[in-house]
Amino acid sequence: MIPGLLVVLLLAAIGMPLFAVIAAVALLGFHAAGYDLIAVAVEYYRLGDKPGLIAIPMFTLAGYLLGESGTPRRLVRLSMALLGWLPGGLAIVAIVACAFFTAFTGASGMTIVAIGAFLYPALTRASYPQPYSLGLVTSSGSLGLLFAPSLPLILFGFVAGQLNTTPVVTVQDLFLAGLLPGALMIVMLSVHAMWVGRHLPKAAASFDLGEVWEAVKDAKWELPLPFIVLGGIYSGQFAASEAAAITTLYVLIVTVGVKREIRLPQLPSLMAEAMRLVGAILIILGAASALSNWMVDQEVPNKLFEFTKTYVHSAGMFLLLLNAVLLLVGMFMDIFSAIVILTPLLVPVAVAYGIHPVHFGIVMLANLQIGYFMPPAGMDLFIAAYRFKTGILELARACIPFFLIVGGSVLIITWWPWLSLALL
């Protein structure tokens, strides 16, 4: 098996796609264990037999439709009416609007393009320092990944739910668990924004109830979305997959039929673009599921725990080491790949240390989201560099204060499990 692994690593180094690397390792593992290699192909077939998985393409399509509509503008207007009168109000508006939008689109890069495109010029016109403005719009794109119904939350819930941990991980629990940790990040960044903007002119002279009402009316079709998702699920009216289908139908009717901001001829190209993202996720998920089955069969998680226990003697030490490892992984690997590869390996080890698997999931996602705006491979750095015609190194320096603030909040989330588990 070793020569085969060396060949795979060599191919990976010269650009072999990640899903192919994972599938190749799984094939080598099953071959070495004496299993029929059809086991890898069977995992792709099994994906179609998992009803909860339909939530991923449904929410992805809803996010793409929202991104192409006037939703970003309406969200910014509402946030401005509610928060623009505060010191640093415009920066807080950017933080809140980006978080909400990313939660529904599941793609932080889309947030940078859709919302950052007009918030960055607004911030610079309002005399915010350019490095702060660049760092804000680049880092805020990933904030919504802990809020329902973000794709990373759903994907982690799906993968971890197959591991039969005690307690069992569900998407519904993760939707609740991400609320307080996500709110903590927004509050900490908002406090920093108030300090940065303390001497700058406010975006709004005072709180204007009339403007708030007009902004609410303007965004009246978007405001029900969180209640459709969370209210429907936790009232027991429908499952997460059903909530995804209802949300997509609602967004489709509003954007195409009511607002008419998306024309019917645009739908095929939007659907194709959304499904390309879904296809990439599913290809990696199928290969990673096969690799996961091989690792479980070979008792790799148990062996990893026994090895780790020799050097790491407490759950606290394990979580500290986990933060460092996940931060490093997030800097080099996209969040979807990291979830499907690491979750089957690390969740059993975390549970063995007595860590609640839902809390572990929030800690994992909170760390990985930082990787979106960290060099050398942070996707949001490249998207922002292209969108704002700025160098990668300049953007990376601009993101340093935001890395420290979000990193500090991740440590609080890690060491204070109550934030993740209080609402369960």
Protein backbone atom coordinates (compact mmCIF):
# COMPACT_ATOMS: atom_id res chain seq x y z
CA MET A 1 0.00 0.00 0.00
CA ILE A 2 2.91 2.35 0.77
CA PRO A 3 4.16 2.62 -2.86
CA GLY A 4 0.60 3.37 -3.99
CA LEU A 5 0.25 6.11 -1.37
CA LEU A 6 3.51 7.68 -2.50
CA VAL A 7 2.22 7.76 -6.07
CA VAL A 8 -1.06 9.37 -4.92
CA LEU A 9 0.84 12.00 -2.91
CA LEU A 10 3.02 12.77 -5.92
CA LEU A 11 -0.06 13.17 -8.13
CA ALA A 12 -1.68 15.38 -5.47
CA ALA A 13 1.41 17.58 -5.41
CA ILE A 14 1.17 18.19 -9.17
CA GLY A 15 -2.52 19.08 -9.08
CA MET A 16 -4.63 15.92 -8.85
CA PRO A 17 -8.19 16.90 -7.79
CA LEU A 18 -8.93 16.44 -4.09
CA PHE A 19 -11.86 14.05 -4.61
CA ALA A 20 -9.62 11.84 -6.75
CA VAL A 21 -6.94 11.83 -4.03
CA ILE A 22 -9.50 10.78 -1.41
CA ALA A 23 -11.01 8.11 -3.67
CA ALA A 24 -7.56 6.77 -4.53
CA VAL A 25 -6.61 6.44 -0.86
CA ALA A 26 -9.92 4.69 -0.17
CA LEU A 27 -9.34 2.28 -3.08
CA LEU A 28 -5.83 1.50 -1.83
CA GLY A 29 -7.14 0.93 1.68
CA PHE A 30 -9.92 -1.43 0.63
CA HIS A 31 -7.55 -3.29 -1.69
CA ALA A 32 -5.00 -3.76 1.11
CA ALA A 33 -7.80 -5.00 3.41
CA GLY A 34 -8.93 -7.53 0.81
CA TYR A 35 -12.32 -5.95 0.05
CA ASP A 36 -14.01 -5.66 -3.34
CA LEU A 37 -13.24 -2.20 -4.76
CA ILE A 38 -16.91 -1.78 -5.69
CA ALA A 39 -17.28 -0.58 -2.06
CA VAL A 40 -16.13 2.87 -3.16
CA ALA A 41 -18.67 3.14 -5.98
CA VAL A 42 -21.43 1.91 -3.65
CA GLU A 43 -20.96 5.01 -1.48
CA TYR A 44 -22.01 7.25 -4.36
CA TYR A 45 -25.11 5.13 -4.87
CA ARG A 46 -25.91 5.34 -1.16
CA LEU A 47 -25.86 9.15 -1.29
CA GLY A 48 -29.05 9.06 -3.33
CA ASP A 49 -30.72 7.01 -0.61
CA LYS A 50 -30.22 9.63 2.14
CA PRO A 51 -33.29 11.90 2.36
CA GLY A 52 -31.60 14.56 4.51
CA LEU A 53 -29.07 15.30 1.78
CA ILE A 54 -31.70 17.08 -0.35
CA ALA A 55 -31.33 20.10 1.95
CA ILE A 56 -27.93 20.93 0.42
CA PRO A 57 -29.01 21.52 -3.23
CA MET A 58 -32.25 23.20 -2.12
CA PHE A 59 -30.62 25.75 0.19
CA THR A 60 -27.82 26.29 -2.35
CA LEU A 61 -30.30 27.18 -5.08
CA ALA A 62 -32.19 29.50 -2.71
CA GLY A 63 -28.93 31.25 -1.87
CA TYR A 64 -28.01 31.78 -5.51
CA LEU A 65 -31.46 33.21 -6.23
CA LEU A 66 -31.17 35.62 -3.31
CA GLY A 67 -27.70 36.64 -4.44
CA GLU A 68 -28.92 37.59 -7.91
CA SER A 69 -31.95 39.50 -6.63
CA GLY A 70 -32.18 42.81 -4.82
CA THR A 71 -31.93 41.10 -1.42
CA PRO A 72 -28.39 42.37 -0.61
CA ARG A 73 -29.48 45.99 -1.13
CA ARG A 74 -32.60 45.55 1.01
CA LEU A 75 -30.66 43.86 3.81
CA VAL A 76 -28.14 46.69 3.89
CA ARG A 77 -30.93 49.29 3.99
CA LEU A 78 -32.66 47.53 6.89
CA SER A 79 -29.40 47.11 8.79
CA MET A 80 -28.59 50.77 8.18
CA ALA A 81 -31.96 51.89 9.52
CA LEU A 82 -31.55 49.79 12.66
CA LEU A 83 -27.84 50.29 13.37
CA GLY A 84 -26.56 53.22 11.31
CA TRP A 85 -26.99 55.72 14.16
CA LEU A 86 -24.44 53.91 16.38
CA PRO A 87 -20.75 54.88 16.49
CA GLY A 88 -19.16 52.78 13.76
CA GLY A 89 -22.68 52.13 12.54
CA LEU A 90 -21.77 51.61 8.89
CA ALA A 91 -19.17 48.98 9.82
CA ILE A 92 -21.70 47.23 12.08
CA VAL A 93 -24.16 47.28 9.19
CA ALA A 94 -21.56 45.51 7.04
CA ILE A 95 -20.96 42.87 9.72
CA VAL A 96 -24.65 42.10 10.31
CA ALA A 97 -25.68 42.19 6.64
CA CYS A 98 -22.78 39.94 5.60
CA ALA A 99 -23.52 37.43 8.36
CA PHE A 100 -27.21 37.16 7.48
CA PHE A 101 -26.55 36.92 3.76
CA THR A 102 -23.81 34.26 4.11
CA ALA A 103 -26.07 32.14 6.30
CA PHE A 104 -28.56 31.80 3.45
CA THR A 105 -26.18 31.62 0.52
CA GLY A 106 -23.66 29.34 2.23
CA ALA A 107 -20.94 30.98 0.15
CA SER A 108 -18.83 33.70 1.72
CA GLY A 109 -17.35 34.60 -1.66
CA MET A 110 -20.81 35.45 -2.96
CA THR A 111 -21.28 37.76 0.03
CA ILE A 112 -18.08 39.65 -0.80
CA VAL A 113 -19.20 40.11 -4.38
CA ALA A 114 -22.87 40.90 -3.66
CA ILE A 115 -22.65 43.02 -0.49
CA GLY A 116 -19.01 43.99 -0.16
CA ALA A 117 -19.09 45.44 -3.66
CA PHE A 118 -21.09 48.43 -2.52
CA LEU A 119 -20.23 48.46 1.21
CA TYR A 120 -16.49 48.82 0.63
CA PRO A 121 -16.85 52.09 -1.36
CA ALA A 122 -19.35 53.31 1.26
CA LEU A 123 -16.88 52.61 4.07
CA THR A 124 -14.04 54.41 2.34
CA ARG A 125 -16.30 57.40 1.52
CA ALA A 126 -17.24 57.53 5.21
CA SER A 127 -13.53 57.96 6.05
CA TYR A 128 -12.94 54.49 7.49
CA PRO A 129 -9.28 53.56 7.05
CA GLN A 130 -8.75 51.61 3.85
CA PRO A 131 -7.02 48.64 5.56
CA TYR A 132 -9.92 48.38 8.01
CA SER A 133 -12.50 48.54 5.22
CA LEU A 134 -10.70 45.88 3.19
CA GLY A 135 -10.27 43.59 6.18
CA LEU A 136 -13.88 44.04 7.23
CA VAL A 137 -15.51 43.12 3.91
CA THR A 138 -13.05 40.25 3.40
CA SER A 139 -13.44 38.65 6.83
CA SER A 140 -17.15 39.33 7.37
CA GLY A 141 -18.05 37.13 4.44
CA SER A 142 -17.53 33.99 6.53
CA LEU A 143 -19.40 35.15 9.65
CA GLY A 144 -22.74 33.60 8.76
CA LEU A 145 -21.41 30.04 8.52
CA LEU A 146 -22.55 29.29 12.09
CA PHE A 147 -26.11 30.48 11.43
CA ALA A 148 -28.89 28.35 9.98
CA PRO A 149 -29.24 27.30 7.25
CA SER A 150 -25.58 27.52 6.19
CA LEU A 151 -24.26 24.65 4.08
CA PRO A 152 -21.29 23.81 6.37
CA LEU A 153 -23.69 23.31 9.31
CA ILE A 154 -25.89 21.01 7.23
CA LEU A 155 -22.92 19.09 5.83
CA PHE A 156 -21.35 18.54 9.25
CA GLY A 157 -24.71 17.42 10.62
CA PHE A 158 -25.13 14.98 7.76
CA VAL A 159 -21.63 13.48 8.06
CA ALA A 160 -21.54 13.37 11.87
CA GLY A 161 -25.07 12.00 12.01
CA GLN A 162 -23.86 8.84 10.22
CA LEU A 163 -21.37 8.10 13.02
CA ASN A 164 -24.05 7.08 15.57
CA THR A 165 -22.44 9.00 18.39
CA THR A 166 -24.01 9.37 21.84
CA PRO A 167 -25.72 11.80 21.81
CA VAL A 168 -26.61 11.71 18.12
CA VAL A 169 -25.75 14.80 16.05
CA THR A 170 -28.67 16.31 14.15
CA VAL A 171 -28.90 19.28 11.80
CA GLN A 172 -31.65 20.72 14.00
CA ASP A 173 -29.35 20.73 17.04
CA LEU A 174 -26.57 22.37 15.05
CA PHE A 175 -28.92 25.12 13.86
CA LEU A 176 -29.59 26.02 17.50
CA ALA A 177 -26.02 25.46 18.68
CA GLY A 178 -24.57 27.98 16.22
CA LEU A 179 -26.77 30.91 17.28
CA LEU A 180 -24.96 32.09 20.44
CA PRO A 181 -21.39 31.45 19.17
CA GLY A 182 -22.21 33.28 15.93
CA ALA A 183 -23.76 36.14 17.89
CA LEU A 184 -20.61 36.35 20.06
CA MET A 185 -18.45 36.86 16.97
CA ILE A 186 -20.77 39.58 15.66
CA VAL A 187 -20.80 41.37 19.03
CA MET A 188 -17.01 41.30 19.38
CA LEU A 189 -16.50 42.62 15.85
CA SER A 190 -19.19 45.26 16.42
CA VAL A 191 -17.48 46.51 19.59
CA HIS A 192 -14.27 46.83 17.60
CA ALA A 193 -16.18 48.66 14.85
CA MET A 194 -17.57 51.13 17.40
CA TRP A 195 -14.05 51.83 18.62
CA VAL A 196 -12.69 52.33 15.09
CA GLY A 197 -15.59 54.62 14.14
CA ARG A 198 -15.84 56.52 17.42
CA HIS A 199 -14.57 59.78 15.87
CA LEU A 200 -16.11 59.33 12.42
CA PRO A 201 -19.43 60.83 11.28
CA LYS A 202 -22.33 58.49 11.94
CA ALA A 203 -24.04 56.86 8.97
CA ALA A 204 -27.38 58.15 10.31
CA ALA A 205 -27.84 61.20 12.53
CA SER A 206 -30.32 59.42 14.80
CA PHE A 207 -32.60 56.43 15.03
CA ASP A 208 -35.43 57.14 12.57
CA LEU A 209 -38.50 55.00 13.22
CA GLY A 210 -40.00 56.10 9.91
CA GLU A 211 -36.98 54.87 7.94
CA VAL A 212 -36.99 51.61 9.91
CA TRP A 213 -40.63 51.06 8.91
CA GLU A 214 -39.89 51.83 5.27
CA ALA A 215 -36.89 49.48 5.32
CA VAL A 216 -39.00 46.74 6.92
CA LYS A 217 -41.63 47.15 4.22
CA ASP A 218 -38.93 47.06 1.55
CA ALA A 219 -37.54 43.80 2.99
CA LYS A 220 -40.91 42.30 3.90
CA TRP A 221 -40.40 39.30 1.63
CA GLU A 222 -36.96 38.45 3.06
CA LEU A 223 -37.82 38.83 6.75
CA PRO A 224 -39.98 35.67 6.97
CA LEU A 225 -37.11 33.43 5.79
CA PRO A 226 -35.54 32.74 9.23
CA PHE A 227 -38.97 31.99 10.64
CA ILE A 228 -39.77 29.61 7.79
CA VAL A 229 -36.54 27.68 8.39
CA LEU A 230 -36.22 27.71 12.17
CA GLY A 231 -39.89 28.10 13.08
CA GLY A 232 -40.99 25.29 10.80
CA ILE A 233 -38.31 22.89 12.01
CA TYR A 234 -38.62 23.50 15.75
CA SER A 235 -42.40 23.62 15.74
CA GLY A 236 -42.27 20.11 14.33
CA GLN A 237 -44.12 21.05 11.15
CA PHE A 238 -41.38 19.76 8.84
CA ALA A 239 -37.87 18.32 8.73
CA ALA A 240 -34.74 20.18 7.62
CA SER A 241 -35.02 18.79 4.08
CA GLU A 242 -38.66 19.87 3.88
CA ALA A 243 -37.72 23.31 5.22
CA ALA A 244 -35.12 23.56 2.44
CA ALA A 245 -37.68 22.70 -0.24
CA ILE A 246 -40.24 25.17 1.14
CA THR A 247 -37.60 27.91 1.45
CA THR A 248 -36.48 27.38 -2.15
CA LEU A 249 -40.04 27.46 -3.45
CA TYR A 250 -40.74 30.63 -1.46
CA VAL A 251 -37.57 32.35 -2.73
CA LEU A 252 -38.33 31.27 -6.30
CA ILE A 253 -41.86 32.69 -6.15
CA VAL A 254 -40.68 35.97 -4.60
CA THR A 255 -37.65 36.62 -6.83
CA VAL A 256 -39.27 35.52 -10.10
CA GLY A 257 -42.99 36.05 -9.61
CA VAL A 258 -43.42 38.83 -7.04
CA LYS A 259 -40.33 41.03 -7.27
CA ARG A 260 -39.51 39.98 -10.84
CA GLU A 261 -35.83 40.68 -10.22
CA ILE A 262 -34.87 37.40 -11.88
CA ARG A 263 -36.26 36.67 -15.32
CA LEU A 264 -37.30 33.19 -16.35
CA PRO A 265 -34.55 32.94 -19.02
CA GLN A 266 -31.98 33.47 -16.22
CA LEU A 267 -33.12 30.48 -14.19
CA PRO A 268 -31.38 27.70 -16.15
CA SER A 269 -27.96 29.35 -15.86
CA LEU A 270 -28.49 30.13 -12.15
CA MET A 271 -29.58 26.57 -11.45
CA ALA A 272 -26.60 25.19 -13.35
CA GLU A 273 -24.19 27.42 -11.41
CA ALA A 274 -25.74 26.38 -8.08
CA MET A 275 -25.65 22.69 -8.96
CA ARG A 276 -22.00 22.88 -9.97
CA LEU A 277 -21.22 23.80 -6.36
CA VAL A 278 -23.49 21.01 -5.11
CA GLY A 279 -21.88 18.54 -7.50
CA ALA A 280 -18.43 19.41 -6.20
CA ILE A 281 -19.61 18.83 -2.62
CA LEU A 282 -21.27 15.50 -3.45
CA ILE A 283 -18.27 14.16 -5.37
CA ILE A 284 -16.03 14.85 -2.38
CA LEU A 285 -18.67 13.51 0.03
CA GLY A 286 -18.97 10.18 -1.80
CA ALA A 287 -15.22 9.63 -1.87
CA ALA A 288 -14.84 10.73 1.76
CA SER A 289 -17.66 8.39 2.84
CA ALA A 290 -15.81 5.48 1.32
CA LEU A 291 -12.58 6.54 3.05
CA SER A 292 -14.49 6.95 6.31
CA ASN A 293 -15.89 3.42 6.07
CA TRP A 294 -12.40 2.05 5.55
CA MET A 295 -11.06 4.01 8.53
CA VAL A 296 -13.89 2.75 10.76
CA ASP A 297 -13.34 -0.82 9.58
CA GLN A 298 -9.64 -0.53 10.37
CA GLU A 299 -10.45 1.14 13.74
CA VAL A 300 -8.39 4.20 12.81
CA PRO A 301 -10.33 6.57 15.15
CA ASN A 302 -9.79 4.19 18.09
CA LYS A 303 -6.10 3.88 17.29
CA LEU A 304 -5.85 7.66 16.95
CA PHE A 305 -7.48 8.09 20.36
CA GLU A 306 -5.09 5.59 21.95
CA PHE A 307 -2.14 7.40 20.40
CA THR A 308 -3.45 10.82 21.40
CA LYS A 309 -4.19 9.70 24.96
CA THR A 310 -0.50 8.97 25.43
CA TYR A 311 0.38 12.65 25.02
CA VAL A 312 -2.91 14.50 25.62
CA HIS A 313 -4.39 13.76 29.03
CA SER A 314 -7.46 16.00 29.18
CA ALA A 315 -10.31 17.27 27.04
CA GLY A 316 -9.01 20.82 27.49
CA MET A 317 -5.61 19.97 26.06
CA PHE A 318 -7.26 18.10 23.21
CA LEU A 319 -9.42 21.11 22.34
CA LEU A 320 -6.40 23.42 22.43
CA LEU A 321 -4.50 21.12 20.07
CA LEU A 322 -7.63 20.79 17.94
CA ASN A 323 -7.83 24.57 17.49
CA ALA A 324 -4.28 24.69 16.18
CA VAL A 325 -4.78 21.74 13.81
CA LEU A 326 -8.10 22.99 12.43
CA LEU A 327 -6.75 26.50 11.93
CA LEU A 328 -3.87 25.04 9.93
CA VAL A 329 -6.23 22.84 7.91
CA GLY A 330 -8.51 25.80 7.19
CA MET A 331 -5.57 27.73 5.75
CA PHE A 332 -4.91 25.05 3.13
CA MET A 333 -8.22 23.27 2.48
CA ASP A 334 -11.73 24.46 1.67
CA ILE A 335 -14.29 24.01 4.44
CA PHE A 336 -16.43 21.40 2.64
CA SER A 337 -13.48 19.10 2.00
CA ALA A 338 -12.21 19.54 5.55
CA ILE A 339 -15.62 18.64 7.00
CA VAL A 340 -16.11 15.43 5.05
CA ILE A 341 -12.51 14.26 5.60
CA LEU A 342 -11.92 15.19 9.25
CA THR A 343 -15.35 14.70 10.82
CA PRO A 344 -15.35 10.85 10.75
CA LEU A 345 -11.79 10.86 12.06
CA LEU A 346 -12.04 13.42 14.85
CA VAL A 347 -15.61 13.19 16.18
CA PRO A 348 -15.11 9.71 17.73
CA VAL A 349 -11.90 10.92 19.37
CA ALA A 350 -13.65 14.03 20.75
CA VAL A 351 -16.50 11.91 22.12
CA ALA A 352 -13.96 9.59 23.76
CA TYR A 353 -12.58 12.63 25.59
CA GLY A 354 -16.08 13.42 26.84
CA ILE A 355 -16.70 16.35 24.46
CA HIS A 356 -20.27 16.81 23.25
CA PRO A 357 -20.27 16.13 19.48
CA VAL A 358 -22.47 19.16 18.75
CA HIS A 359 -20.09 21.42 20.68
CA PHE A 360 -17.20 19.84 18.78
CA GLY A 361 -18.96 20.62 15.50
CA ILE A 362 -19.36 24.30 16.36
CA VAL A 363 -15.71 24.53 17.45
CA MET A 364 -14.64 22.83 14.22
CA LEU A 365 -16.68 25.12 11.96
CA ALA A 366 -15.65 28.23 13.90
CA ASN A 367 -11.99 27.38 13.33
CA LEU A 368 -12.42 26.46 9.69
CA GLN A 369 -14.28 29.66 8.88
CA ILE A 370 -11.18 31.65 9.85
CA GLY A 371 -9.31 29.84 7.10
CA TYR A 372 -11.47 31.61 4.52
CA PHE A 373 -9.51 34.84 5.04
CA MET A 374 -6.10 33.44 6.02
CA PRO A 375 -3.14 32.96 3.66
CA PRO A 376 -1.89 31.06 1.79
CA ALA A 377 -5.06 29.47 0.41
CA GLY A 378 -7.91 31.48 1.96
CA MET A 379 -10.56 31.61 -0.76
CA ASP A 380 -12.01 34.95 0.34
CA LEU A 381 -8.59 36.60 0.03
CA PHE A 382 -8.46 35.74 -3.66
CA ILE A 383 -12.07 36.74 -4.30
CA ALA A 384 -11.61 40.08 -2.51
CA ALA A 385 -8.28 40.69 -4.26
CA TYR A 386 -9.96 40.21 -7.63
CA ARG A 387 -13.06 42.22 -6.72
CA PHE A 388 -11.25 45.19 -5.16
CA LYS A 389 -8.11 45.08 -7.35
CA THR A 390 -5.84 44.67 -4.32
CA GLY A 391 -2.79 42.53 -3.61
CA ILE A 392 -3.10 39.35 -1.55
CA LEU A 393 -0.43 40.44 0.93
CA GLU A 394 -2.13 43.79 1.50
CA LEU A 395 -5.43 42.03 2.16
CA ALA A 396 -3.78 39.52 4.48
CA ARG A 397 -2.29 42.35 6.56
CA ALA A 398 -5.65 44.10 6.63
CA CYS A 399 -7.30 40.94 8.00
CA ILE A 400 -4.90 40.53 10.94
CA PRO A 401 -7.04 42.49 13.49
CA PHE A 402 -10.11 40.51 12.42
CA PHE A 403 -8.21 37.24 12.74
CA LEU A 404 -7.27 38.18 16.32
CA ILE A 405 -10.84 39.15 17.24
CA VAL A 406 -12.51 36.14 15.63
CA GLY A 407 -9.73 33.90 16.93
CA GLY A 408 -10.37 35.22 20.45
CA SER A 409 -14.07 34.44 20.09
CA VAL A 410 -13.19 30.91 18.91
CA LEU A 411 -11.19 30.36 22.10
CA ILE A 412 -14.18 31.51 24.17
CA ILE A 413 -16.48 29.18 22.21
CA THR A 414 -14.01 26.33 22.70
CA TRP A 415 -13.59 26.73 26.46
CA TRP A 416 -17.19 27.63 27.23
CA PRO A 417 -19.39 24.79 25.90
CA TRP A 418 -22.48 26.46 27.35
CA LEU A 419 -22.56 28.83 24.38
CA SER A 420 -23.05 25.90 22.00
CA LEU A 421 -25.27 23.75 24.19
CA ALA A 422 -27.49 26.19 26.12
CA LEU A 423 -30.31 26.24 23.55
CA LEU A 424 -30.44 22.46 22.96
